[in-house]
Amino acid sequence: MNVVTMTGRLTADPVQRQTKRGVVTTFRMGSDEDPRMWVDVESWGPVGGQCATHLRCGRRVALVGSLAYRQWTDGVGQQRHRWLVKASIVTILDPPTTASEADAPTDGNGPRS
């Protein structure tokens, strides 16, 4: 079983980009746990789109996803790797502060994928 659930705050605005496999939104968050840990998160498809639209640095979220390992060779031939969370459900936990944030889903589940 590979399930990750966590809450925390975004450390920067999400970044959305087009890949060969589709559109992905990535962001980094700091957990609410002590000791704090920082986690890279990626979300694909509609959930990723809603994350890009409604999330900003400092927003508090809860997510459910799976742990993934990425390995690649960078532009200078170095082997690189990292662990990240592939989020399938992302819920905004704090109230909106702007009109565009108020347009986020309000069913208690926030952006989802």
N, C-alpha and C. Protein backbone atom coordinates (compact mmCIF):
# COMPACT_ATOMS: atom_id res chain seq x y z
N MET A 1 0.85 -1.17 0.00
CA MET A 1 0.00 0.00 0.00
C MET A 1 0.90 1.24 0.00
N ASN A 2 0.65 2.15 -0.91
CA ASN A 2 1.45 3.37 -1.03
C ASN A 2 0.52 4.57 -0.95
N VAL A 3 0.23 5.03 0.27
CA VAL A 3 -0.68 6.15 0.48
C VAL A 3 -0.01 7.17 1.39
N VAL A 4 -0.02 8.42 0.94
CA VAL A 4 0.52 9.52 1.73
C VAL A 4 -0.62 10.49 2.01
N THR A 5 -0.79 10.88 3.26
CA THR A 5 -1.73 11.94 3.63
C THR A 5 -0.95 12.93 4.47
N MET A 6 -1.15 14.21 4.20
CA MET A 6 -0.44 15.21 4.98
C MET A 6 -1.13 16.57 4.87
N THR A 7 -0.82 17.42 5.81
CA THR A 7 -1.27 18.81 5.77
C THR A 7 -0.05 19.70 5.89
N GLY A 8 -0.17 20.90 5.34
CA GLY A 8 0.92 21.85 5.42
C GLY A 8 0.62 23.09 4.62
N ARG A 9 1.65 23.93 4.46
CA ARG A 9 1.51 25.18 3.72
C ARG A 9 2.46 25.20 2.53
N LEU A 10 1.98 25.78 1.43
CA LEU A 10 2.82 25.93 0.24
C LEU A 10 3.95 26.89 0.54
N THR A 11 5.15 26.57 0.07
CA THR A 11 6.30 27.43 0.29
C THR A 11 6.54 28.37 -0.89
N ALA A 12 5.81 28.16 -1.99
CA ALA A 12 5.91 29.02 -3.18
C ALA A 12 4.65 28.80 -4.01
N ASP A 13 4.40 29.68 -4.96
CA ASP A 13 3.27 29.50 -5.86
C ASP A 13 3.47 28.24 -6.70
N PRO A 14 2.38 27.53 -7.03
CA PRO A 14 2.49 26.36 -7.90
C PRO A 14 2.97 26.75 -9.29
N VAL A 15 3.61 25.80 -9.96
CA VAL A 15 4.09 25.99 -11.33
C VAL A 15 3.41 24.95 -12.21
N GLN A 16 2.77 25.41 -13.27
CA GLN A 16 2.11 24.49 -14.20
C GLN A 16 2.90 24.45 -15.50
N ARG A 17 3.08 23.23 -16.05
CA ARG A 17 3.82 23.12 -17.31
C ARG A 17 3.29 21.94 -18.13
N GLN A 18 3.55 22.03 -19.42
CA GLN A 18 3.15 20.97 -20.35
C GLN A 18 4.29 19.97 -20.48
N THR A 19 3.99 18.68 -20.40
CA THR A 19 4.98 17.63 -20.60
C THR A 19 4.48 16.70 -21.70
N LYS A 20 5.29 15.72 -22.06
CA LYS A 20 4.87 14.73 -23.05
C LYS A 20 3.68 13.92 -22.56
N ARG A 21 3.56 13.79 -21.24
CA ARG A 21 2.45 13.00 -20.66
C ARG A 21 1.23 13.85 -20.32
N GLY A 22 1.29 15.16 -20.52
CA GLY A 22 0.16 16.03 -20.22
C GLY A 22 0.57 17.20 -19.36
N VAL A 23 -0.43 17.90 -18.84
CA VAL A 23 -0.18 19.08 -18.01
C VAL A 23 0.01 18.65 -16.56
N VAL A 24 1.05 19.17 -15.93
CA VAL A 24 1.34 18.85 -14.53
C VAL A 24 1.55 20.16 -13.76
N THR A 25 1.07 20.18 -12.53
CA THR A 25 1.31 21.31 -11.63
C THR A 25 2.18 20.81 -10.48
N THR A 26 3.23 21.54 -10.19
CA THR A 26 4.13 21.17 -9.10
C THR A 26 4.18 22.27 -8.07
N PHE A 27 4.36 21.88 -6.82
CA PHE A 27 4.57 22.85 -5.75
C PHE A 27 5.31 22.17 -4.62
N ARG A 28 5.80 22.98 -3.70
CA ARG A 28 6.53 22.48 -2.53
C ARG A 28 5.74 22.92 -1.31
N MET A 29 5.66 22.03 -0.34
CA MET A 29 4.96 22.39 0.89
C MET A 29 5.74 21.94 2.11
N GLY A 30 5.54 22.68 3.19
CA GLY A 30 6.11 22.32 4.48
C GLY A 30 5.02 21.66 5.30
N SER A 31 5.33 20.53 5.90
CA SER A 31 4.32 19.78 6.67
C SER A 31 3.98 20.51 7.96
N ASP A 32 2.81 20.16 8.51
CA ASP A 32 2.41 20.69 9.82
C ASP A 32 3.03 19.90 10.96
N GLU A 33 3.70 18.81 10.65
CA GLU A 33 4.28 17.93 11.68
C GLU A 33 5.54 18.54 12.27
N ASP A 34 5.89 18.06 13.46
CA ASP A 34 7.12 18.48 14.10
C ASP A 34 7.99 17.24 14.26
N PRO A 35 9.17 17.14 13.72
CA PRO A 35 9.87 18.22 13.01
C PRO A 35 9.29 18.43 11.61
N ARG A 36 9.33 19.66 11.18
CA ARG A 36 8.79 20.03 9.87
C ARG A 36 9.63 19.38 8.77
N MET A 37 8.93 18.93 7.72
CA MET A 37 9.64 18.43 6.55
C MET A 37 9.07 19.13 5.32
N TRP A 38 9.90 19.27 4.30
CA TRP A 38 9.49 19.92 3.06
C TRP A 38 9.36 18.85 1.99
N VAL A 39 8.26 18.91 1.25
CA VAL A 39 7.93 17.86 0.30
C VAL A 39 7.60 18.48 -1.05
N ASP A 40 8.15 17.90 -2.13
CA ASP A 40 7.77 18.28 -3.48
C ASP A 40 6.50 17.51 -3.84
N VAL A 41 5.56 18.20 -4.48
CA VAL A 41 4.27 17.60 -4.83
C VAL A 41 4.01 17.85 -6.30
N GLU A 42 3.45 16.85 -6.98
CA GLU A 42 2.99 17.05 -8.35
C GLU A 42 1.55 16.56 -8.45
N SER A 43 0.78 17.25 -9.27
CA SER A 43 -0.61 16.89 -9.48
C SER A 43 -0.93 17.04 -10.95
N TRP A 44 -1.60 16.04 -11.52
CA TRP A 44 -1.86 15.97 -12.95
C TRP A 44 -3.33 16.25 -13.24
N GLY A 45 -3.60 16.61 -14.47
CA GLY A 45 -4.97 16.73 -14.97
C GLY A 45 -5.77 17.83 -14.30
N PRO A 46 -7.08 17.60 -14.12
CA PRO A 46 -7.96 18.63 -13.56
C PRO A 46 -7.55 19.11 -12.18
N VAL A 47 -7.09 18.20 -11.32
CA VAL A 47 -6.66 18.63 -9.99
C VAL A 47 -5.47 19.56 -10.10
N GLY A 48 -4.52 19.22 -10.96
CA GLY A 48 -3.37 20.08 -11.17
C GLY A 48 -3.78 21.45 -11.67
N GLY A 49 -4.75 21.49 -12.58
CA GLY A 49 -5.25 22.77 -13.09
C GLY A 49 -5.88 23.61 -11.99
N GLN A 50 -6.67 22.97 -11.14
CA GLN A 50 -7.29 23.71 -10.04
C GLN A 50 -6.25 24.16 -9.02
N CYS A 51 -5.23 23.35 -8.79
CA CYS A 51 -4.16 23.77 -7.88
C CYS A 51 -3.46 25.01 -8.43
N ALA A 52 -3.17 25.00 -9.73
CA ALA A 52 -2.51 26.16 -10.35
C ALA A 52 -3.37 27.41 -10.25
N THR A 53 -4.67 27.24 -10.35
CA THR A 53 -5.59 28.38 -10.32
C THR A 53 -5.82 28.92 -8.91
N HIS A 54 -6.00 28.02 -7.93
CA HIS A 54 -6.48 28.45 -6.62
C HIS A 54 -5.44 28.46 -5.50
N LEU A 55 -4.29 27.84 -5.70
CA LEU A 55 -3.30 27.80 -4.63
C LEU A 55 -2.23 28.87 -4.82
N ARG A 56 -1.76 29.41 -3.73
CA ARG A 56 -0.68 30.39 -3.71
C ARG A 56 0.21 30.11 -2.51
N CYS A 57 1.38 30.70 -2.53
CA CYS A 57 2.32 30.56 -1.42
C CYS A 57 1.63 30.89 -0.10
N GLY A 58 1.82 30.03 0.89
CA GLY A 58 1.25 30.27 2.21
C GLY A 58 -0.09 29.60 2.45
N ARG A 59 -0.80 29.18 1.38
CA ARG A 59 -2.09 28.52 1.56
C ARG A 59 -1.90 27.20 2.29
N ARG A 60 -2.81 26.89 3.19
CA ARG A 60 -2.78 25.64 3.94
C ARG A 60 -3.63 24.62 3.22
N VAL A 61 -3.06 23.43 2.96
CA VAL A 61 -3.77 22.38 2.24
C VAL A 61 -3.60 21.03 2.94
N ALA A 62 -4.52 20.14 2.62
CA ALA A 62 -4.38 18.73 2.97
C ALA A 62 -4.33 17.98 1.65
N LEU A 63 -3.54 16.93 1.60
CA LEU A 63 -3.50 16.15 0.36
C LEU A 63 -3.43 14.67 0.65
N VAL A 64 -3.89 13.93 -0.34
CA VAL A 64 -3.80 12.47 -0.35
C VAL A 64 -3.15 12.11 -1.67
N GLY A 65 -2.19 11.21 -1.62
CA GLY A 65 -1.51 10.81 -2.84
C GLY A 65 -0.64 9.60 -2.60
N SER A 66 0.35 9.44 -3.45
CA SER A 66 1.27 8.31 -3.33
C SER A 66 2.71 8.82 -3.44
N LEU A 67 3.61 8.10 -2.81
CA LEU A 67 5.02 8.43 -2.85
C LEU A 67 5.61 7.93 -4.17
N ALA A 68 6.38 8.78 -4.84
CA ALA A 68 6.98 8.41 -6.13
C ALA A 68 8.46 8.77 -6.13
N TYR A 69 9.22 8.03 -6.93
CA TYR A 69 10.66 8.24 -7.07
C TYR A 69 10.94 8.60 -8.52
N ARG A 70 11.67 9.67 -8.74
CA ARG A 70 12.04 10.10 -10.08
C ARG A 70 13.55 10.03 -10.23
N GLN A 71 14.01 9.55 -11.37
CA GLN A 71 15.43 9.48 -11.67
C GLN A 71 15.63 9.94 -13.11
N TRP A 72 16.65 10.79 -13.35
CA TRP A 72 16.90 11.31 -14.68
C TRP A 72 18.35 11.73 -14.80
N THR A 73 18.76 11.99 -16.04
CA THR A 73 20.09 12.52 -16.31
C THR A 73 19.94 13.97 -16.71
N ASP A 74 20.66 14.87 -16.03
CA ASP A 74 20.52 16.29 -16.32
C ASP A 74 21.30 16.68 -17.58
N GLY A 75 21.30 17.95 -17.91
CA GLY A 75 21.91 18.45 -19.13
C GLY A 75 23.41 18.26 -19.23
N VAL A 76 24.09 18.04 -18.10
CA VAL A 76 25.54 17.83 -18.13
C VAL A 76 25.91 16.38 -17.87
N GLY A 77 24.92 15.48 -17.95
CA GLY A 77 25.20 14.05 -17.82
C GLY A 77 25.20 13.50 -16.40
N GLN A 78 24.84 14.32 -15.41
CA GLN A 78 24.79 13.85 -14.02
C GLN A 78 23.49 13.10 -13.75
N GLN A 79 23.59 11.99 -13.03
CA GLN A 79 22.40 11.28 -12.59
C GLN A 79 21.74 12.07 -11.46
N ARG A 80 20.46 12.32 -11.55
CA ARG A 80 19.69 13.03 -10.52
C ARG A 80 18.54 12.15 -10.07
N HIS A 81 18.07 12.39 -8.85
CA HIS A 81 16.92 11.64 -8.34
C HIS A 81 16.23 12.45 -7.26
N ARG A 82 14.97 12.13 -7.01
CA ARG A 82 14.24 12.77 -5.92
C ARG A 82 12.98 11.97 -5.61
N TRP A 83 12.52 12.10 -4.39
CA TRP A 83 11.25 11.55 -3.95
C TRP A 83 10.23 12.68 -3.99
N LEU A 84 8.99 12.36 -4.30
CA LEU A 84 7.93 13.36 -4.31
C LEU A 84 6.60 12.69 -4.03
N VAL A 85 5.58 13.50 -3.80
CA VAL A 85 4.23 12.99 -3.60
C VAL A 85 3.42 13.32 -4.84
N LYS A 86 2.76 12.30 -5.41
CA LYS A 86 1.83 12.49 -6.52
C LYS A 86 0.45 12.65 -5.90
N ALA A 87 -0.05 13.89 -5.84
CA ALA A 87 -1.31 14.19 -5.16
C ALA A 87 -2.50 13.83 -6.04
N SER A 88 -3.43 13.07 -5.49
CA SER A 88 -4.66 12.75 -6.20
C SER A 88 -5.84 13.54 -5.65
N ILE A 89 -5.74 13.99 -4.40
CA ILE A 89 -6.76 14.84 -3.78
C ILE A 89 -6.04 15.97 -3.07
N VAL A 90 -6.45 17.20 -3.33
CA VAL A 90 -5.89 18.37 -2.66
C VAL A 90 -7.06 19.19 -2.13
N THR A 91 -7.05 19.45 -0.83
CA THR A 91 -8.13 20.21 -0.19
C THR A 91 -7.56 21.47 0.42
N ILE A 92 -8.14 22.62 0.08
CA ILE A 92 -7.72 23.89 0.67
C ILE A 92 -8.33 23.98 2.07
N LEU A 93 -7.49 24.27 3.07
CA LEU A 93 -7.95 24.28 4.46
C LEU A 93 -8.20 25.67 5.02
N ASP A 94 -7.58 26.70 4.46
CA ASP A 94 -7.78 28.03 5.02
C ASP A 94 -8.81 28.79 4.18
N PRO A 95 -9.44 29.82 4.76
CA PRO A 95 -10.46 30.57 4.02
C PRO A 95 -9.82 31.40 2.91
N PRO A 96 -10.58 31.70 1.86
CA PRO A 96 -10.05 32.50 0.76
C PRO A 96 -9.75 33.93 1.22
N THR A 97 -8.73 34.54 0.60
CA THR A 97 -8.39 35.92 0.93
C THR A 97 -8.66 36.87 -0.23
N THR A 98 -8.94 36.31 -1.41
CA THR A 98 -9.26 37.14 -2.57
C THR A 98 -10.50 36.59 -3.26
N ALA A 99 -11.06 37.37 -4.18
CA ALA A 99 -12.26 36.95 -4.90
C ALA A 99 -11.98 35.70 -5.74
N SER A 100 -10.79 35.60 -6.37
CA SER A 100 -10.50 34.43 -7.19
C SER A 100 -10.35 33.18 -6.33
N GLU A 101 -9.83 33.33 -5.13
CA GLU A 101 -9.73 32.18 -4.23
C GLU A 101 -11.11 31.76 -3.76
N ALA A 102 -12.03 32.71 -3.65
CA ALA A 102 -13.38 32.39 -3.22
C ALA A 102 -14.11 31.55 -4.25
N ASP A 103 -13.64 31.55 -5.51
CA ASP A 103 -14.24 30.75 -6.57
C ASP A 103 -13.82 29.29 -6.51
N ALA A 104 -12.91 28.95 -5.60
CA ALA A 104 -12.46 27.55 -5.48
C ALA A 104 -13.63 26.70 -5.01
N PRO A 105 -13.63 25.40 -5.31
CA PRO A 105 -14.71 24.52 -4.87
C PRO A 105 -14.92 24.65 -3.36
N THR A 106 -16.18 24.67 -2.94
CA THR A 106 -16.50 24.89 -1.54
C THR A 106 -17.16 23.71 -0.88
N ASP A 107 -17.04 22.53 -1.48
CA ASP A 107 -17.68 21.35 -0.90
C ASP A 107 -16.85 20.74 0.22
N GLY A 108 -15.83 21.46 0.66
CA GLY A 108 -14.96 20.94 1.71
C GLY A 108 -13.82 20.11 1.16
N ASN A 109 -13.81 19.89 -0.14
CA ASN A 109 -12.77 19.06 -0.74
C ASN A 109 -11.79 19.85 -1.56
N GLY A 110 -12.07 21.11 -1.83
CA GLY A 110 -11.14 21.94 -2.57
C GLY A 110 -10.79 21.34 -3.91
N PRO A 111 -9.70 21.78 -4.51
CA PRO A 111 -9.27 21.21 -5.79
C PRO A 111 -9.02 19.73 -5.65
N ARG A 112 -9.48 18.95 -6.62
CA ARG A 112 -9.27 17.50 -6.59
C ARG A 112 -8.78 17.03 -7.93
N SER A 113 -8.09 15.90 -7.92
CA SER A 113 -7.75 15.26 -9.20
C SER A 113 -8.25 13.85 -9.19
